[in-house]
Amino acid sequence: MNSLQRYLHTLEGKPVDHLARMPVLMQFVAKFAGAHYGEFCSDYRIRNQANIEVARFFGSDQVDVMSDPYCETEAFGAELIYEPAAVPHCRKHPLEDGPDPVKLVRPDLMQSQRVRDRLDGLRAYRQEVGGEYSIMGWVEGPAAEAADLRGVENFFVDLYENPAYSNDLMSLCVDVALEFAKMQLDSGAETIGVGDAVASQVSPDVYENQILPHEQRLCRGLREMGAKVRLHICGNITHLLPGIASLEIDILDSDHMVDIQKTRAIVGNRVVLCGNLDPVADILRSTPESIRAAVLECYQKAGNPFIVNAGCEIPSHTSYENLKALCEPVSYQ
């Protein structure tokens, strides 16, 4: 059973030879390859080669396009500053000057260098490892992309003071995400990851009434395209789980501060749980023996269907021995 087969069988609720492994790896991958992080983010040739090398060396089962949250934001006109060893940042958020509805204009995605780079990367993945590894594209969720466009503080103020505008903005973000996702699926991805981390910072009421309807439309649209859907909201999402349970997703990443048994009880067995070791305490500062034990404990709590992962991104300074321990085969039970 190869990595893609193992992954798809897991999503279909079928037995596998051992658990799939899908650690979130970005800065670690660039460091492993000796790459400038700005180049890793902006050049698919560097990103693809590094991801494939890491998957083969450590034994993970998915390659992806993840690097930073600003691909769609660049398409909206953001000027990005690339750093040698840190995530890029916006010189200015495209809509930070004010909640002006006139500026809610859908961008031409194919005019974006970063969009084209991502699509080129997926086509290259398909040619080199298609049929061997799961290939995951990525879009920002409605809240995350709205915050990237307005700035996080401005977006939070909009939710309370100008909900009609924030609703229109998130609706536009979903339109763009669905268009971009279709391009990625056509280019070689079978899975689309959705990152909506900023949603973890709002109340259940704000989430369920303002953000969740947009996530539902996004996830439903992805499913209708034939995508496998992986939702990643890092942070403590315990208060959001009842709403998340309504989403049409295949995989839910669970961060380390969330009780994975409670998560399973709320979302049920139709969703693959992916997680949820502490990336620092359980991986970076741990030992291979402790990591193996922690993975088994997490699996016992979560039950099937389950994919091995930490709660969020693996720190770049994690030892090779520790990441190898996280990715060691664990027997399916």
C-alpha atoms as a PDB file:
ATOM      1  CA  MET A   1       0.000   0.000   0.000  1.00  0.00           C
ATOM      2  CA  ASN A   2       1.548   3.312  -1.014  1.00  0.00           C
ATOM      3  CA  SER A   3       0.972   6.699   0.589  1.00  0.00           C
ATOM      4  CA  LEU A   4      -1.918   7.758  -1.634  1.00  0.00           C
ATOM      5  CA  GLN A   5      -3.713   4.438  -1.184  1.00  0.00           C
ATOM      6  CA  ARG A   6      -3.209   4.578   2.580  1.00  0.00           C
ATOM      7  CA  TYR A   7      -4.594   8.111   2.669  1.00  0.00           C
ATOM      8  CA  LEU A   8      -7.645   7.402   0.521  1.00  0.00           C
ATOM      9  CA  HIS A   9      -8.468   4.192   2.398  1.00  0.00           C
ATOM     10  CA  THR A  10      -8.353   6.163   5.650  1.00  0.00           C
ATOM     11  CA  LEU A  11     -10.822   8.718   4.303  1.00  0.00           C
ATOM     12  CA  GLU A  12     -13.088   5.934   3.066  1.00  0.00           C
ATOM     13  CA  GLY A  13     -13.080   4.184   6.450  1.00  0.00           C
ATOM     14  CA  LYS A  14     -11.237   1.151   5.106  1.00  0.00           C
ATOM     15  CA  PRO A  15      -8.469  -0.754   6.937  1.00  0.00           C
ATOM     16  CA  VAL A  16      -4.896   0.297   6.153  1.00  0.00           C
ATOM     17  CA  ASP A  17      -1.486  -1.311   6.588  1.00  0.00           C
ATOM     18  CA  HIS A  18      -0.654   1.345   9.174  1.00  0.00           C
ATOM     19  CA  LEU A  19      -1.835   4.837  10.098  1.00  0.00           C
ATOM     20  CA  ALA A  20      -1.257   7.632   7.613  1.00  0.00           C
ATOM     21  CA  ARG A  21       1.183  10.368   8.710  1.00  0.00           C
ATOM     22  CA  MET A  22       0.548  14.005   7.744  1.00  0.00           C
ATOM     23  CA  PRO A  23       2.604  16.401   9.871  1.00  0.00           C
ATOM     24  CA  VAL A  24       2.247  20.103   9.045  1.00  0.00           C
ATOM     25  CA  LEU A  25       5.690  21.028   7.725  1.00  0.00           C
ATOM     26  CA  MET A  26       6.694  24.367   6.279  1.00  0.00           C
ATOM     27  CA  GLN A  27       9.733  26.099   7.798  1.00  0.00           C
ATOM     28  CA  PHE A  28      11.124  22.685   8.745  1.00  0.00           C
ATOM     29  CA  VAL A  29      10.989  21.633   5.081  1.00  0.00           C
ATOM     30  CA  ALA A  30      12.796  24.757   3.905  1.00  0.00           C
ATOM     31  CA  LYS A  31      15.478  24.331   6.564  1.00  0.00           C
ATOM     32  CA  PHE A  32      15.896  20.634   5.703  1.00  0.00           C
ATOM     33  CA  ALA A  33      16.567  21.632   2.092  1.00  0.00           C
ATOM     34  CA  GLY A  34      18.805  24.562   3.029  1.00  0.00           C
ATOM     35  CA  ALA A  35      16.425  26.964   1.293  1.00  0.00           C
ATOM     36  CA  HIS A  36      15.840  30.691   1.806  1.00  0.00           C
ATOM     37  CA  TYR A  37      12.289  30.806   3.159  1.00  0.00           C
ATOM     38  CA  GLY A  38      11.185  33.577   0.856  1.00  0.00           C
ATOM     39  CA  GLU A  39      12.293  31.481  -2.121  1.00  0.00           C
ATOM     40  CA  PHE A  40      10.546  28.433  -0.646  1.00  0.00           C
ATOM     41  CA  CYS A  41       7.301  30.429  -0.552  1.00  0.00           C
ATOM     42  CA  SER A  42       7.585  31.906  -4.027  1.00  0.00           C
ATOM     43  CA  ASP A  43       9.314  29.237  -6.152  1.00  0.00           C
ATOM     44  CA  TYR A  44       7.522  25.919  -6.618  1.00  0.00           C
ATOM     45  CA  ARG A  45      10.704  24.198  -7.819  1.00  0.00           C
ATOM     46  CA  ILE A  46      12.359  24.710  -4.439  1.00  0.00           C
ATOM     47  CA  ARG A  47       9.163  23.961  -2.495  1.00  0.00           C
ATOM     48  CA  ASN A  48       8.312  20.795  -4.421  1.00  0.00           C
ATOM     49  CA  GLN A  49      11.782  19.311  -4.284  1.00  0.00           C
ATOM     50  CA  ALA A  50      12.040  19.990  -0.555  1.00  0.00           C
ATOM     51  CA  ASN A  51       8.604  18.517   0.213  1.00  0.00           C
ATOM     52  CA  ILE A  52       9.261  15.361  -1.788  1.00  0.00           C
ATOM     53  CA  GLU A  53      12.647  14.879  -0.132  1.00  0.00           C
ATOM     54  CA  VAL A  54      11.094  15.252   3.312  1.00  0.00           C
ATOM     55  CA  ALA A  55       8.208  12.881   2.547  1.00  0.00           C
ATOM     56  CA  ARG A  56      10.600  10.205   1.352  1.00  0.00           C
ATOM     57  CA  PHE A  57      13.156  10.667   4.131  1.00  0.00           C
ATOM     58  CA  PHE A  58      10.740  10.828   7.069  1.00  0.00           C
ATOM     59  CA  GLY A  59       7.860   8.722   5.755  1.00  0.00           C
ATOM     60  CA  SER A  60       4.993  11.204   5.599  1.00  0.00           C
ATOM     61  CA  ASP A  61       2.119  10.494   3.217  1.00  0.00           C
ATOM     62  CA  GLN A  62       1.189  13.847   1.698  1.00  0.00           C
ATOM     63  CA  VAL A  63       2.930  16.596  -0.245  1.00  0.00           C
ATOM     64  CA  ASP A  64       1.425  20.061  -0.360  1.00  0.00           C
ATOM     65  CA  VAL A  65       1.741  23.704  -1.356  1.00  0.00           C
ATOM     66  CA  MET A  66       1.695  25.198   2.151  1.00  0.00           C
ATOM     67  CA  SER A  67       4.119  27.980   3.015  1.00  0.00           C
ATOM     68  CA  ASP A  68       2.257  31.089   4.207  1.00  0.00           C
ATOM     69  CA  PRO A  69      -1.275  32.568   4.153  1.00  0.00           C
ATOM     70  CA  TYR A  70      -0.783  35.223   1.486  1.00  0.00           C
ATOM     71  CA  CYS A  71      -1.273  33.576  -1.902  1.00  0.00           C
ATOM     72  CA  GLU A  72      -4.800  34.879  -2.494  1.00  0.00           C
ATOM     73  CA  THR A  73      -3.906  38.123  -0.700  1.00  0.00           C
ATOM     74  CA  GLU A  74      -1.207  38.799  -3.271  1.00  0.00           C
ATOM     75  CA  ALA A  75      -3.806  38.285  -5.986  1.00  0.00           C
ATOM     76  CA  PHE A  76      -5.885  41.016  -4.329  1.00  0.00           C
ATOM     77  CA  GLY A  77      -2.932  43.373  -4.700  1.00  0.00           C
ATOM     78  CA  ALA A  78      -0.905  42.962  -1.522  1.00  0.00           C
ATOM     79  CA  GLU A  79       2.778  43.797  -1.684  1.00  0.00           C
ATOM     80  CA  LEU A  80       4.636  41.100   0.216  1.00  0.00           C
ATOM     81  CA  ILE A  81       7.981  41.265   1.954  1.00  0.00           C
ATOM     82  CA  TYR A  82       9.893  37.984   1.816  1.00  0.00           C
ATOM     83  CA  GLU A  83      12.211  37.075   4.663  1.00  0.00           C
ATOM     84  CA  PRO A  84      15.131  34.611   4.638  1.00  0.00           C
ATOM     85  CA  ALA A  85      13.951  32.678   7.710  1.00  0.00           C
ATOM     86  CA  ALA A  86      10.410  33.831   8.505  1.00  0.00           C
ATOM     87  CA  VAL A  87       6.929  33.914   7.032  1.00  0.00           C
ATOM     88  CA  PRO A  88       6.343  36.728   4.496  1.00  0.00           C
ATOM     89  CA  HIS A  89       4.303  39.692   5.642  1.00  0.00           C
ATOM     90  CA  CYS A  90       2.255  42.387   3.972  1.00  0.00           C
ATOM     91  CA  ARG A  91       3.745  45.830   3.560  1.00  0.00           C
ATOM     92  CA  LYS A  92       0.118  46.966   3.584  1.00  0.00           C
ATOM     93  CA  HIS A  93      -3.099  44.964   3.715  1.00  0.00           C
ATOM     94  CA  PRO A  94      -5.052  45.666   0.506  1.00  0.00           C
ATOM     95  CA  LEU A  95      -8.256  46.802   2.268  1.00  0.00           C
ATOM     96  CA  GLU A  96      -6.867  48.170   5.511  1.00  0.00           C
ATOM     97  CA  ASP A  97      -7.768  51.809   4.797  1.00  0.00           C
ATOM     98  CA  GLY A  98     -11.463  51.311   5.497  1.00  0.00           C
ATOM     99  CA  PRO A  99     -14.546  49.149   4.961  1.00  0.00           C
ATOM    100  CA  ASP A 100     -15.333  50.522   1.512  1.00  0.00           C
ATOM    101  CA  PRO A 101     -17.776  48.227  -0.350  1.00  0.00           C
ATOM    102  CA  VAL A 102     -16.669  49.736  -3.668  1.00  0.00           C
ATOM    103  CA  LYS A 103     -13.264  48.069  -3.236  1.00  0.00           C
ATOM    104  CA  LEU A 104     -14.724  44.567  -2.892  1.00  0.00           C
ATOM    105  CA  VAL A 105     -13.618  43.602  -6.388  1.00  0.00           C
ATOM    106  CA  ARG A 106     -12.895  40.035  -7.424  1.00  0.00           C
ATOM    107  CA  PRO A 107      -9.288  39.729  -8.641  1.00  0.00           C
ATOM    108  CA  ASP A 108      -8.121  38.065 -11.837  1.00  0.00           C
ATOM    109  CA  LEU A 109      -6.291  35.131 -10.278  1.00  0.00           C
ATOM    110  CA  MET A 110      -4.230  34.324 -13.346  1.00  0.00           C
ATOM    111  CA  GLN A 111      -2.627  37.756 -13.142  1.00  0.00           C
ATOM    112  CA  SER A 112      -1.074  36.706  -9.822  1.00  0.00           C
ATOM    113  CA  GLN A 113       2.473  35.370  -9.949  1.00  0.00           C
ATOM    114  CA  ARG A 114       1.923  33.376  -6.769  1.00  0.00           C
ATOM    115  CA  VAL A 115      -1.268  31.774  -8.052  1.00  0.00           C
ATOM    116  CA  ARG A 116       0.523  30.711 -11.224  1.00  0.00           C
ATOM    117  CA  ASP A 117       3.444  29.397  -9.172  1.00  0.00           C
ATOM    118  CA  ARG A 118       1.134  27.273  -7.038  1.00  0.00           C
ATOM    119  CA  LEU A 119      -0.594  25.809 -10.075  1.00  0.00           C
ATOM    120  CA  ASP A 120       2.758  25.070 -11.702  1.00  0.00           C
ATOM    121  CA  GLY A 121       3.808  23.333  -8.503  1.00  0.00           C
ATOM    122  CA  LEU A 122       0.741  21.120  -8.445  1.00  0.00           C
ATOM    123  CA  ARG A 123       1.238  20.145 -12.072  1.00  0.00           C
ATOM    124  CA  ALA A 124       4.851  19.260 -11.288  1.00  0.00           C
ATOM    125  CA  TYR A 125       3.773  17.196  -8.263  1.00  0.00           C
ATOM    126  CA  ARG A 126       1.283  15.326 -10.439  1.00  0.00           C
ATOM    127  CA  GLN A 127       3.982  14.505 -12.954  1.00  0.00           C
ATOM    128  CA  GLU A 128       6.583  13.406 -10.385  1.00  0.00           C
ATOM    129  CA  VAL A 129       4.624  11.771  -7.544  1.00  0.00           C
ATOM    130  CA  GLY A 130       1.039  11.508  -8.787  1.00  0.00           C
ATOM    131  CA  GLY A 131      -0.396   8.145  -7.821  1.00  0.00           C
ATOM    132  CA  GLU A 132       2.269   7.728  -5.119  1.00  0.00           C
ATOM    133  CA  TYR A 133       1.498  10.497  -2.625  1.00  0.00           C
ATOM    134  CA  SER A 134      -1.579  12.467  -1.685  1.00  0.00           C
ATOM    135  CA  ILE A 135      -1.297  15.968  -3.168  1.00  0.00           C
ATOM    136  CA  MET A 136      -2.914  18.798  -1.234  1.00  0.00           C
ATOM    137  CA  GLY A 137      -3.721  22.262  -2.495  1.00  0.00           C
ATOM    138  CA  TRP A 138      -4.714  25.065  -0.137  1.00  0.00           C
ATOM    139  CA  VAL A 139      -7.091  28.001   0.220  1.00  0.00           C
ATOM    140  CA  GLU A 140      -7.623  30.456   3.023  1.00  0.00           C
ATOM    141  CA  GLY A 141     -10.939  30.250   4.821  1.00  0.00           C
ATOM    142  CA  PRO A 142     -13.377  33.179   4.772  1.00  0.00           C
ATOM    143  CA  ALA A 143     -12.363  34.677   8.116  1.00  0.00           C
ATOM    144  CA  ALA A 144      -8.635  34.148   7.579  1.00  0.00           C
ATOM    145  CA  GLU A 145      -8.621  35.739   4.138  1.00  0.00           C
ATOM    146  CA  ALA A 146     -10.827  38.620   5.248  1.00  0.00           C
ATOM    147  CA  ALA A 147      -8.358  39.263   8.077  1.00  0.00           C
ATOM    148  CA  ASP A 148      -5.450  39.104   5.615  1.00  0.00           C
ATOM    149  CA  LEU A 149      -7.156  41.711   3.446  1.00  0.00           C
ATOM    150  CA  ARG A 150      -8.309  44.074   6.185  1.00  0.00           C
ATOM    151  CA  GLY A 151      -5.781  43.313   8.937  1.00  0.00           C
ATOM    152  CA  VAL A 152      -6.806  41.195  11.910  1.00  0.00           C
ATOM    153  CA  GLU A 153      -7.814  44.044  14.219  1.00  0.00           C
ATOM    154  CA  ASN A 154      -9.842  45.776  11.523  1.00  0.00           C
ATOM    155  CA  PHE A 155     -11.622  42.545  10.663  1.00  0.00           C
ATOM    156  CA  PHE A 156     -12.594  41.929  14.282  1.00  0.00           C
ATOM    157  CA  VAL A 157     -13.952  45.462  14.550  1.00  0.00           C
ATOM    158  CA  ASP A 158     -15.918  44.928  11.325  1.00  0.00           C
ATOM    159  CA  LEU A 159     -17.578  41.807  12.765  1.00  0.00           C
ATOM    160  CA  TYR A 160     -19.087  43.897  15.554  1.00  0.00           C
ATOM    161  CA  GLU A 161     -19.470  47.354  14.048  1.00  0.00           C
ATOM    162  CA  ASN A 162     -20.093  46.623  10.374  1.00  0.00           C
ATOM    163  CA  PRO A 163     -21.362  43.048  10.041  1.00  0.00           C
ATOM    164  CA  ALA A 164     -22.942  43.703   6.639  1.00  0.00           C
ATOM    165  CA  TYR A 165     -19.547  44.669   5.239  1.00  0.00           C
ATOM    166  CA  SER A 166     -17.723  41.741   6.867  1.00  0.00           C
ATOM    167  CA  ASN A 167     -20.390  39.421   5.472  1.00  0.00           C
ATOM    168  CA  ASP A 168     -19.878  40.784   1.953  1.00  0.00           C
ATOM    169  CA  LEU A 169     -16.108  40.559   2.344  1.00  0.00           C
ATOM    170  CA  MET A 170     -16.195  36.931   3.503  1.00  0.00           C
ATOM    171  CA  SER A 171     -18.606  36.087   0.695  1.00  0.00           C
ATOM    172  CA  LEU A 172     -16.122  37.506  -1.811  1.00  0.00           C
ATOM    173  CA  CYS A 173     -13.325  35.525  -0.164  1.00  0.00           C
ATOM    174  CA  VAL A 174     -15.315  32.301  -0.596  1.00  0.00           C
ATOM    175  CA  ASP A 175     -15.976  33.092  -4.255  1.00  0.00           C
ATOM    176  CA  VAL A 176     -12.246  33.536  -4.822  1.00  0.00           C
ATOM    177  CA  ALA A 177     -11.351  30.452  -2.774  1.00  0.00           C
ATOM    178  CA  LEU A 178     -13.704  28.258  -4.802  1.00  0.00           C
ATOM    179  CA  GLU A 179     -12.323  29.570  -8.084  1.00  0.00           C
ATOM    180  CA  PHE A 180      -8.761  29.036  -6.889  1.00  0.00           C
ATOM    181  CA  ALA A 181      -9.539  25.575  -5.522  1.00  0.00           C
ATOM    182  CA  LYS A 182     -10.974  24.480  -8.882  1.00  0.00           C
ATOM    183  CA  MET A 183      -7.762  25.576 -10.560  1.00  0.00           C
ATOM    184  CA  GLN A 184      -5.737  23.569  -8.049  1.00  0.00           C
ATOM    185  CA  LEU A 185      -7.857  20.453  -8.471  1.00  0.00           C
ATOM    186  CA  ASP A 186      -7.498  20.705 -12.240  1.00  0.00           C
ATOM    187  CA  SER A 187      -3.729  21.031 -11.785  1.00  0.00           C
ATOM    188  CA  GLY A 188      -3.226  17.880  -9.742  1.00  0.00           C
ATOM    189  CA  ALA A 189      -4.520  18.197  -6.178  1.00  0.00           C
ATOM    190  CA  GLU A 190      -7.082  15.707  -4.890  1.00  0.00           C
ATOM    191  CA  THR A 191      -7.339  17.414  -1.502  1.00  0.00           C
ATOM    192  CA  ILE A 192      -7.882  21.068  -0.623  1.00  0.00           C
ATOM    193  CA  GLY A 193      -6.798  22.295   2.777  1.00  0.00           C
ATOM    194  CA  VAL A 194      -8.771  25.166   4.276  1.00  0.00           C
ATOM    195  CA  GLY A 195      -7.006  27.363   6.821  1.00  0.00           C
ATOM    196  CA  ASP A 196      -9.235  29.579   8.960  1.00  0.00           C
ATOM    197  CA  ALA A 197      -7.134  30.052  12.085  1.00  0.00           C
ATOM    198  CA  VAL A 198      -8.460  33.474  13.064  1.00  0.00           C
ATOM    199  CA  ALA A 199     -11.898  31.931  13.647  1.00  0.00           C
ATOM    200  CA  SER A 200     -10.608  30.369  16.869  1.00  0.00           C
ATOM    201  CA  GLN A 201     -10.470  33.861  18.402  1.00  0.00           C
ATOM    202  CA  VAL A 202     -14.184  34.679  18.206  1.00  0.00           C
ATOM    203  CA  SER A 203     -17.132  33.689  20.383  1.00  0.00           C
ATOM    204  CA  PRO A 204     -19.413  30.780  19.485  1.00  0.00           C
ATOM    205  CA  ASP A 205     -22.173  33.255  18.655  1.00  0.00           C
ATOM    206  CA  VAL A 206     -20.035  35.275  16.236  1.00  0.00           C
ATOM    207  CA  TYR A 207     -18.658  32.095  14.691  1.00  0.00           C
ATOM    208  CA  GLU A 208     -21.988  30.356  14.166  1.00  0.00           C
ATOM    209  CA  ASN A 209     -23.875  33.418  12.945  1.00  0.00           C
ATOM    210  CA  GLN A 210     -21.248  35.224  10.890  1.00  0.00           C
ATOM    211  CA  ILE A 211     -18.344  32.956   9.921  1.00  0.00           C
ATOM    212  CA  LEU A 212     -19.799  29.437   9.842  1.00  0.00           C
ATOM    213  CA  PRO A 213     -22.288  30.079   6.985  1.00  0.00           C
ATOM    214  CA  HIS A 214     -19.370  31.083   4.762  1.00  0.00           C
ATOM    215  CA  GLU A 215     -17.312  28.049   5.799  1.00  0.00           C
ATOM    216  CA  GLN A 216     -20.322  25.861   5.043  1.00  0.00           C
ATOM    217  CA  ARG A 217     -20.642  27.302   1.536  1.00  0.00           C
ATOM    218  CA  LEU A 218     -16.918  26.897   0.943  1.00  0.00           C
ATOM    219  CA  CYS A 219     -16.707  23.299   2.161  1.00  0.00           C
ATOM    220  CA  ARG A 220     -19.906  22.319   0.360  1.00  0.00           C
ATOM    221  CA  GLY A 221     -18.579  23.848  -2.866  1.00  0.00           C
ATOM    222  CA  LEU A 222     -15.279  22.010  -2.533  1.00  0.00           C
ATOM    223  CA  ARG A 223     -17.067  18.714  -2.027  1.00  0.00           C
ATOM    224  CA  GLU A 224     -19.239  19.367  -5.075  1.00  0.00           C
ATOM    225  CA  MET A 225     -16.035  19.788  -7.112  1.00  0.00           C
ATOM    226  CA  GLY A 226     -14.917  16.344  -5.956  1.00  0.00           C
ATOM    227  CA  ALA A 227     -12.274  17.573  -3.505  1.00  0.00           C
ATOM    228  CA  LYS A 228     -11.279  15.912  -0.283  1.00  0.00           C
ATOM    229  CA  VAL A 229     -11.488  18.687   2.335  1.00  0.00           C
ATOM    230  CA  ARG A 230      -9.079  19.185   5.243  1.00  0.00           C
ATOM    231  CA  LEU A 231      -9.954  21.923   7.756  1.00  0.00           C
ATOM    232  CA  HIS A 232      -7.204  23.516   9.822  1.00  0.00           C
ATOM    233  CA  ILE A 233      -8.158  26.008  12.537  1.00  0.00           C
ATOM    234  CA  CYS A 234      -5.207  26.114  14.911  1.00  0.00           C
ATOM    235  CA  GLY A 235      -5.746  27.148  18.497  1.00  0.00           C
ATOM    236  CA  ASN A 236      -8.432  26.135  20.932  1.00  0.00           C
ATOM    237  CA  ILE A 237     -11.551  25.388  18.869  1.00  0.00           C
ATOM    238  CA  THR A 238     -13.455  23.572  21.611  1.00  0.00           C
ATOM    239  CA  HIS A 239     -16.158  26.259  21.644  1.00  0.00           C
ATOM    240  CA  LEU A 240     -16.513  26.014  17.839  1.00  0.00           C
ATOM    241  CA  LEU A 241     -16.883  22.225  17.587  1.00  0.00           C
ATOM    242  CA  PRO A 242     -20.718  22.145  17.465  1.00  0.00           C
ATOM    243  CA  GLY A 243     -20.628  24.415  14.428  1.00  0.00           C
ATOM    244  CA  ILE A 244     -17.667  22.631  12.849  1.00  0.00           C
ATOM    245  CA  ALA A 245     -19.628  19.377  13.108  1.00  0.00           C
ATOM    246  CA  SER A 246     -22.007  20.782  10.467  1.00  0.00           C
ATOM    247  CA  LEU A 247     -19.264  21.252   7.874  1.00  0.00           C
ATOM    248  CA  GLU A 248     -18.845  18.904   4.920  1.00  0.00           C
ATOM    249  CA  ILE A 249     -15.216  18.007   5.584  1.00  0.00           C
ATOM    250  CA  ASP A 250     -13.157  14.832   5.406  1.00  0.00           C
ATOM    251  CA  ILE A 251     -10.353  15.723   7.826  1.00  0.00           C
ATOM    252  CA  LEU A 252     -10.256  17.955  10.893  1.00  0.00           C
ATOM    253  CA  ASP A 253      -6.889  19.023  12.290  1.00  0.00           C
ATOM    254  CA  SER A 254      -7.080  19.154  16.073  1.00  0.00           C
ATOM    255  CA  ASP A 255      -4.634  21.360  17.974  1.00  0.00           C
ATOM    256  CA  HIS A 256      -3.046  20.164  21.191  1.00  0.00           C
ATOM    257  CA  MET A 257      -5.184  22.253  23.569  1.00  0.00           C
ATOM    258  CA  VAL A 258      -8.370  20.574  22.315  1.00  0.00           C
ATOM    259  CA  ASP A 259      -9.584  17.361  23.983  1.00  0.00           C
ATOM    260  CA  ILE A 260      -9.538  14.886  21.109  1.00  0.00           C
ATOM    261  CA  GLN A 261     -11.994  12.553  22.813  1.00  0.00           C
ATOM    262  CA  LYS A 262     -14.470  15.403  23.108  1.00  0.00           C
ATOM    263  CA  THR A 263     -13.818  16.288  19.484  1.00  0.00           C
ATOM    264  CA  ARG A 264     -14.622  12.753  18.410  1.00  0.00           C
ATOM    265  CA  ALA A 265     -17.818  12.736  20.455  1.00  0.00           C
ATOM    266  CA  ILE A 266     -19.013  15.934  18.757  1.00  0.00           C
ATOM    267  CA  VAL A 267     -17.966  15.406  15.120  1.00  0.00           C
ATOM    268  CA  GLY A 268     -18.533  11.639  15.080  1.00  0.00           C
ATOM    269  CA  ASN A 269     -16.841   8.947  13.027  1.00  0.00           C
ATOM    270  CA  ARG A 270     -17.508  10.406   9.586  1.00  0.00           C
ATOM    271  CA  VAL A 271     -14.575  12.826   9.999  1.00  0.00           C
ATOM    272  CA  VAL A 272     -10.916  11.778  10.124  1.00  0.00           C
ATOM    273  CA  LEU A 273      -9.228  13.351  13.143  1.00  0.00           C
ATOM    274  CA  CYS A 274      -5.672  14.511  12.540  1.00  0.00           C
ATOM    275  CA  GLY A 275      -3.515  15.405  15.517  1.00  0.00           C
ATOM    276  CA  ASN A 276      -3.028  16.391  18.207  1.00  0.00           C
ATOM    277  CA  LEU A 277       0.347  16.367  19.941  1.00  0.00           C
ATOM    278  CA  ASP A 278       1.844  19.609  21.252  1.00  0.00           C
ATOM    279  CA  PRO A 279       4.379  20.636  18.568  1.00  0.00           C
ATOM    280  CA  VAL A 280       6.763  22.066  21.167  1.00  0.00           C
ATOM    281  CA  ALA A 281       6.362  20.000  24.329  1.00  0.00           C
ATOM    282  CA  ASP A 282       5.562  16.675  22.644  1.00  0.00           C
ATOM    283  CA  ILE A 283       7.756  16.954  19.538  1.00  0.00           C
ATOM    284  CA  LEU A 284      10.488  19.615  19.648  1.00  0.00           C
ATOM    285  CA  ARG A 285      11.460  19.135  23.310  1.00  0.00           C
ATOM    286  CA  SER A 286      10.656  15.466  23.581  1.00  0.00           C
ATOM    287  CA  THR A 287      12.410  12.177  22.821  1.00  0.00           C
ATOM    288  CA  PRO A 288      11.665   9.514  20.217  1.00  0.00           C
ATOM    289  CA  GLU A 289      10.459   7.131  22.931  1.00  0.00           C
ATOM    290  CA  SER A 290       8.070   9.690  24.405  1.00  0.00           C
ATOM    291  CA  ILE A 291       6.789  10.645  20.955  1.00  0.00           C
ATOM    292  CA  ARG A 292       5.968   7.044  20.096  1.00  0.00           C
ATOM    293  CA  ALA A 293       4.063   6.673  23.362  1.00  0.00           C
ATOM    294  CA  ALA A 294       2.220   9.977  22.850  1.00  0.00           C
ATOM    295  CA  VAL A 295       1.117   8.971  19.336  1.00  0.00           C
ATOM    296  CA  LEU A 296      -0.307   5.701  20.631  1.00  0.00           C
ATOM    297  CA  GLU A 297      -2.118   7.462  23.468  1.00  0.00           C
ATOM    298  CA  CYS A 298      -3.604  10.017  21.066  1.00  0.00           C
ATOM    299  CA  TYR A 299      -4.750   7.265  18.713  1.00  0.00           C
ATOM    300  CA  GLN A 300      -6.383   5.347  21.547  1.00  0.00           C
ATOM    301  CA  LYS A 301      -8.296   8.459  22.587  1.00  0.00           C
ATOM    302  CA  ALA A 302      -9.360   9.462  19.083  1.00  0.00           C
ATOM    303  CA  GLY A 303     -10.143   6.078  17.594  1.00  0.00           C
ATOM    304  CA  ASN A 304     -10.643   5.504  13.895  1.00  0.00           C
ATOM    305  CA  PRO A 305     -10.535   7.157  11.447  1.00  0.00           C
ATOM    306  CA  PHE A 306      -7.281   8.827  12.473  1.00  0.00           C
ATOM    307  CA  ILE A 307      -4.159  10.358  10.927  1.00  0.00           C
ATOM    308  CA  VAL A 308      -0.955  10.995  12.874  1.00  0.00           C
ATOM    309  CA  ASN A 309      -0.003  14.646  13.249  1.00  0.00           C
ATOM    310  CA  ALA A 310       0.942  17.247  15.794  1.00  0.00           C
ATOM    311  CA  GLY A 311      -1.605  19.921  16.635  1.00  0.00           C
ATOM    312  CA  CYS A 312      -0.032  22.463  14.294  1.00  0.00           C
ATOM    313  CA  GLU A 313       3.199  23.164  12.415  1.00  0.00           C
ATOM    314  CA  ILE A 314       6.294  21.193  13.418  1.00  0.00           C
ATOM    315  CA  PRO A 315       8.954  23.665  14.654  1.00  0.00           C
ATOM    316  CA  SER A 316      11.855  24.121  12.270  1.00  0.00           C
ATOM    317  CA  HIS A 317      14.461  23.134  14.866  1.00  0.00           C
ATOM    318  CA  THR A 318      12.890  19.737  15.593  1.00  0.00           C
ATOM    319  CA  SER A 319      15.503  16.986  15.460  1.00  0.00           C
ATOM    320  CA  TYR A 320      15.387  14.513  12.626  1.00  0.00           C
ATOM    321  CA  GLU A 321      15.138  11.689  15.164  1.00  0.00           C
ATOM    322  CA  ASN A 322      12.018  13.195  16.706  1.00  0.00           C
ATOM    323  CA  LEU A 323      10.232  13.739  13.398  1.00  0.00           C
ATOM    324  CA  LYS A 324      11.148  10.225  12.310  1.00  0.00           C
ATOM    325  CA  ALA A 325       9.582   8.946  15.536  1.00  0.00           C
ATOM    326  CA  LEU A 326       6.374  10.871  14.820  1.00  0.00           C
ATOM    327  CA  CYS A 327       6.219   9.336  11.350  1.00  0.00           C
ATOM    328  CA  GLU A 328       7.015   5.764  12.353  1.00  0.00           C
ATOM    329  CA  PRO A 329       4.346   3.295  11.200  1.00  0.00           C
ATOM    330  CA  VAL A 330       1.637   2.648  13.812  1.00  0.00           C
ATOM    331  CA  SER A 331      -0.492  -0.436  13.363  1.00  0.00           C
ATOM    332  CA  TYR A 332      -4.118   0.122  12.420  1.00  0.00           C
ATOM    333  CA  GLN A 333      -6.456  -1.147  15.153  1.00  0.00           C
END
